[in-house]
């Protein structure tokens, strides 16, 4: 099992993906939040 974060912009384009190899590890939420802020 793994965790993942995807950010999709208003044009349905995936702009950010991060996979974490262990369920007990957390993705880099700060990077994901910044990707959301930059998505148009």
PDB file of N, CA and C in Angstrom:
ATOM      1  N   UNK A   1       0.840  -1.174   0.000  1.00  0.00           N
ATOM      2  CA  UNK A   1       0.000   0.000   0.000  1.00  0.00           C
ATOM      3  C   UNK A   1       0.891   1.246   0.000  1.00  0.00           C
ATOM      4  N   UNK A   2       0.335   2.319  -0.493  1.00  0.00           N
ATOM      5  CA  UNK A   2       1.078   3.571  -0.564  1.00  0.00           C
ATOM      6  C   UNK A   2       0.112   4.735  -0.451  1.00  0.00           C
ATOM      7  N   UNK A   3       0.643   5.874  -0.134  1.00  0.00           N
ATOM      8  CA  UNK A   3      -0.141   7.110  -0.128  1.00  0.00           C
ATOM      9  C   UNK A   3       0.226   7.908  -1.352  1.00  0.00           C
ATOM     10  N   UNK A   4      -0.713   8.725  -1.799  1.00  0.00           N
ATOM     11  CA  UNK A   4      -0.446   9.576  -2.954  1.00  0.00           C
ATOM     12  C   UNK A   4      -1.226  10.877  -2.835  1.00  0.00           C
ATOM     13  N   UNK A   5      -0.667  11.927  -3.418  1.00  0.00           N
ATOM     14  CA  UNK A   5      -1.350  13.218  -3.532  1.00  0.00           C
ATOM     15  C   UNK A   5      -1.308  13.610  -5.001  1.00  0.00           C
ATOM     16  N   UNK A   6      -2.467  14.020  -5.510  1.00  0.00           N
ATOM     17  CA  UNK A   6      -2.571  14.519  -6.873  1.00  0.00           C
ATOM     18  C   UNK A   6      -3.186  15.907  -6.820  1.00  0.00           C
ATOM     19  N   UNK A   7      -2.653  16.838  -7.599  1.00  0.00           N
ATOM     20  CA  UNK A   7      -3.255  18.162  -7.754  1.00  0.00           C
ATOM     21  C   UNK A   7      -3.643  18.285  -9.215  1.00  0.00           C
ATOM     22  N   UNK A   8      -4.910  18.645  -9.438  1.00  0.00           N
ATOM     23  CA  UNK A   8      -5.451  18.779 -10.785  1.00  0.00           C
ATOM     24  C   UNK A   8      -5.941  20.208 -10.951  1.00  0.00           C
ATOM     25  N   UNK A   9      -5.533  20.865 -12.059  1.00  0.00           N
ATOM     26  CA  UNK A   9      -5.949  22.248 -12.273  1.00  0.00           C
ATOM     27  C   UNK A   9      -7.346  22.306 -12.903  1.00  0.00           C
ATOM     28  N   UNK A  10      -7.811  23.515 -13.183  1.00  0.00           N
ATOM     29  CA  UNK A  10      -9.163  23.704 -13.703  1.00  0.00           C
ATOM     30  C   UNK A  10      -9.341  23.176 -15.125  1.00  0.00           C
ATOM     31  N   UNK A  11      -8.240  22.872 -15.796  1.00  0.00           N
ATOM     32  CA  UNK A  11      -8.293  22.281 -17.136  1.00  0.00           C
ATOM     33  C   UNK A  11      -8.156  20.763 -17.080  1.00  0.00           C
ATOM     34  N   UNK A  12      -8.295  20.200 -15.900  1.00  0.00           N
ATOM     35  CA  UNK A  12      -8.181  18.755 -15.660  1.00  0.00           C
ATOM     36  C   UNK A  12      -6.789  18.209 -15.968  1.00  0.00           C
ATOM     37  N   UNK A  13      -5.785  19.064 -15.857  1.00  0.00           N
ATOM     38  CA  UNK A  13      -4.397  18.640 -16.055  1.00  0.00           C
ATOM     39  C   UNK A  13      -3.773  18.355 -14.688  1.00  0.00           C
ATOM     40  N   UNK A  14      -3.149  17.210 -14.563  1.00  0.00           N
ATOM     41  CA  UNK A  14      -2.462  16.866 -13.318  1.00  0.00           C
ATOM     42  C   UNK A  14      -1.187  17.701 -13.243  1.00  0.00           C
ATOM     43  N   UNK A  15      -1.078  18.512 -12.201  1.00  0.00           N
ATOM     44  CA  UNK A  15       0.068  19.415 -12.077  1.00  0.00           C
ATOM     45  C   UNK A  15       1.042  18.994 -10.994  1.00  0.00           C
ATOM     46  N   UNK A  16       0.638  18.060 -10.143  1.00  0.00           N
ATOM     47  CA  UNK A  16       1.523  17.615  -9.062  1.00  0.00           C
ATOM     48  C   UNK A  16       1.135  16.197  -8.674  1.00  0.00           C
ATOM     49  N   UNK A  17       2.142  15.352  -8.514  1.00  0.00           N
ATOM     50  CA  UNK A  17       1.938  13.981  -8.040  1.00  0.00           C
ATOM     51  C   UNK A  17       3.046  13.661  -7.047  1.00  0.00           C
ATOM     52  N   UNK A  18       2.659  13.050  -5.953  1.00  0.00           N
ATOM     53  CA  UNK A  18       3.662  12.552  -5.015  1.00  0.00           C
ATOM     54  C   UNK A  18       3.188  11.218  -4.450  1.00  0.00           C
ATOM     55  N   UNK A  19       4.046  10.228  -4.533  1.00  0.00           N
ATOM     56  CA  UNK A  19       3.789   8.917  -3.946  1.00  0.00           C
ATOM     57  C   UNK A  19       4.739   8.723  -2.766  1.00  0.00           C
ATOM     58  N   UNK A  20       4.216   8.161  -1.702  1.00  0.00           N
ATOM     59  CA  UNK A  20       5.027   7.844  -0.536  1.00  0.00           C
ATOM     60  C   UNK A  20       5.025   6.325  -0.386  1.00  0.00           C
ATOM     61  N   UNK A  21       6.193   5.740  -0.211  1.00  0.00           N
ATOM     62  CA  UNK A  21       6.319   4.278  -0.261  1.00  0.00           C
ATOM     63  C   UNK A  21       5.691   3.530   0.907  1.00  0.00           C
ATOM     64  N   UNK A  22       5.467   4.184   2.005  1.00  0.00           N
ATOM     65  CA  UNK A  22       4.865   3.524   3.170  1.00  0.00           C
ATOM     66  C   UNK A  22       3.627   4.297   3.612  1.00  0.00           C
ATOM     67  N   UNK A  23       2.592   3.580   3.986  1.00  0.00           N
ATOM     68  CA  UNK A  23       1.361   4.214   4.452  1.00  0.00           C
ATOM     69  C   UNK A  23       1.613   5.020   5.726  1.00  0.00           C
ATOM     70  N   UNK A  24       2.589   4.612   6.495  1.00  0.00           N
ATOM     71  CA  UNK A  24       2.868   5.307   7.757  1.00  0.00           C
ATOM     72  C   UNK A  24       3.640   6.606   7.546  1.00  0.00           C
ATOM     73  N   UNK A  25       4.183   6.819   6.348  1.00  0.00           N
ATOM     74  CA  UNK A  25       4.883   8.067   6.034  1.00  0.00           C
ATOM     75  C   UNK A  25       3.905   9.065   5.427  1.00  0.00           C
ATOM     76  N   UNK A  26       4.153  10.326   5.679  1.00  0.00           N
ATOM     77  CA  UNK A  26       3.303  11.372   5.143  1.00  0.00           C
ATOM     78  C   UNK A  26       3.964  12.027   3.939  1.00  0.00           C
ATOM     79  N   UNK A  27       3.151  12.428   2.964  1.00  0.00           N
ATOM     80  CA  UNK A  27       3.706  13.178   1.844  1.00  0.00           C
ATOM     81  C   UNK A  27       4.104  14.578   2.300  1.00  0.00           C
ATOM     82  N   UNK A  28       4.776  15.306   1.440  1.00  0.00           N
ATOM     83  CA  UNK A  28       5.175  16.676   1.742  1.00  0.00           C
ATOM     84  C   UNK A  28       3.969  17.581   1.505  1.00  0.00           C
ATOM     85  N   UNK A  29       3.198  17.807   2.570  1.00  0.00           N
ATOM     86  CA  UNK A  29       1.970  18.584   2.454  1.00  0.00           C
ATOM     87  C   UNK A  29       2.229  20.017   2.016  1.00  0.00           C
ATOM     88  N   UNK A  30       3.327  20.593   2.435  1.00  0.00           N
ATOM     89  CA  UNK A  30       3.649  21.971   2.057  1.00  0.00           C
ATOM     90  C   UNK A  30       3.815  22.098   0.536  1.00  0.00           C
ATOM     91  N   UNK A  31       4.512  21.154  -0.075  1.00  0.00           N
ATOM     92  CA  UNK A  31       4.670  21.162  -1.533  1.00  0.00           C
ATOM     93  C   UNK A  31       3.316  21.001  -2.222  1.00  0.00           C
ATOM     94  N   UNK A  32       2.491  20.133  -1.686  1.00  0.00           N
ATOM     95  CA  UNK A  32       1.177  19.918  -2.281  1.00  0.00           C
ATOM     96  C   UNK A  32       0.310  21.180  -2.173  1.00  0.00           C
ATOM     97  N   UNK A  33       0.356  21.843  -1.039  1.00  0.00           N
ATOM     98  CA  UNK A  33      -0.419  23.077  -0.863  1.00  0.00           C
ATOM     99  C   UNK A  33       0.073  24.155  -1.822  1.00  0.00           C
ATOM    100  N   UNK A  34       1.381  24.267  -1.985  1.00  0.00           N
ATOM    101  CA  UNK A  34       1.929  25.229  -2.940  1.00  0.00           C
ATOM    102  C   UNK A  34       1.505  24.899  -4.370  1.00  0.00           C
ATOM    103  N   UNK A  35       1.438  23.634  -4.702  1.00  0.00           N
ATOM    104  CA  UNK A  35       0.990  23.217  -6.034  1.00  0.00           C
ATOM    105  C   UNK A  35      -0.472  23.595  -6.251  1.00  0.00           C
ATOM    106  N   UNK A  36      -1.279  23.460  -5.210  1.00  0.00           N
ATOM    107  CA  UNK A  36      -2.701  23.847  -5.306  1.00  0.00           C
ATOM    108  C   UNK A  36      -2.809  25.350  -5.533  1.00  0.00           C
ATOM    109  N   UNK A  37      -2.016  26.114  -4.821  1.00  0.00           N
ATOM    110  CA  UNK A  37      -2.057  27.578  -4.971  1.00  0.00           C
ATOM    111  C   UNK A  37      -1.631  28.014  -6.366  1.00  0.00           C
ATOM    112  N   UNK A  38      -0.725  27.264  -6.998  1.00  0.00           N
ATOM    113  CA  UNK A  38      -0.230  27.623  -8.329  1.00  0.00           C
ATOM    114  C   UNK A  38      -1.116  27.075  -9.446  1.00  0.00           C
ATOM    115  N   UNK A  39      -1.937  26.086  -9.151  1.00  0.00           N
ATOM    116  CA  UNK A  39      -2.814  25.498 -10.181  1.00  0.00           C
ATOM    117  C   UNK A  39      -3.842  26.537 -10.605  1.00  0.00           C
ATOM    118  N   UNK A  40      -4.088  26.582 -11.892  1.00  0.00           N
ATOM    119  CA  UNK A  40      -5.066  27.553 -12.410  1.00  0.00           C
ATOM    120  C   UNK A  40      -6.284  26.865 -12.915  1.00  0.00           C
TER     121      UNK A  40
END
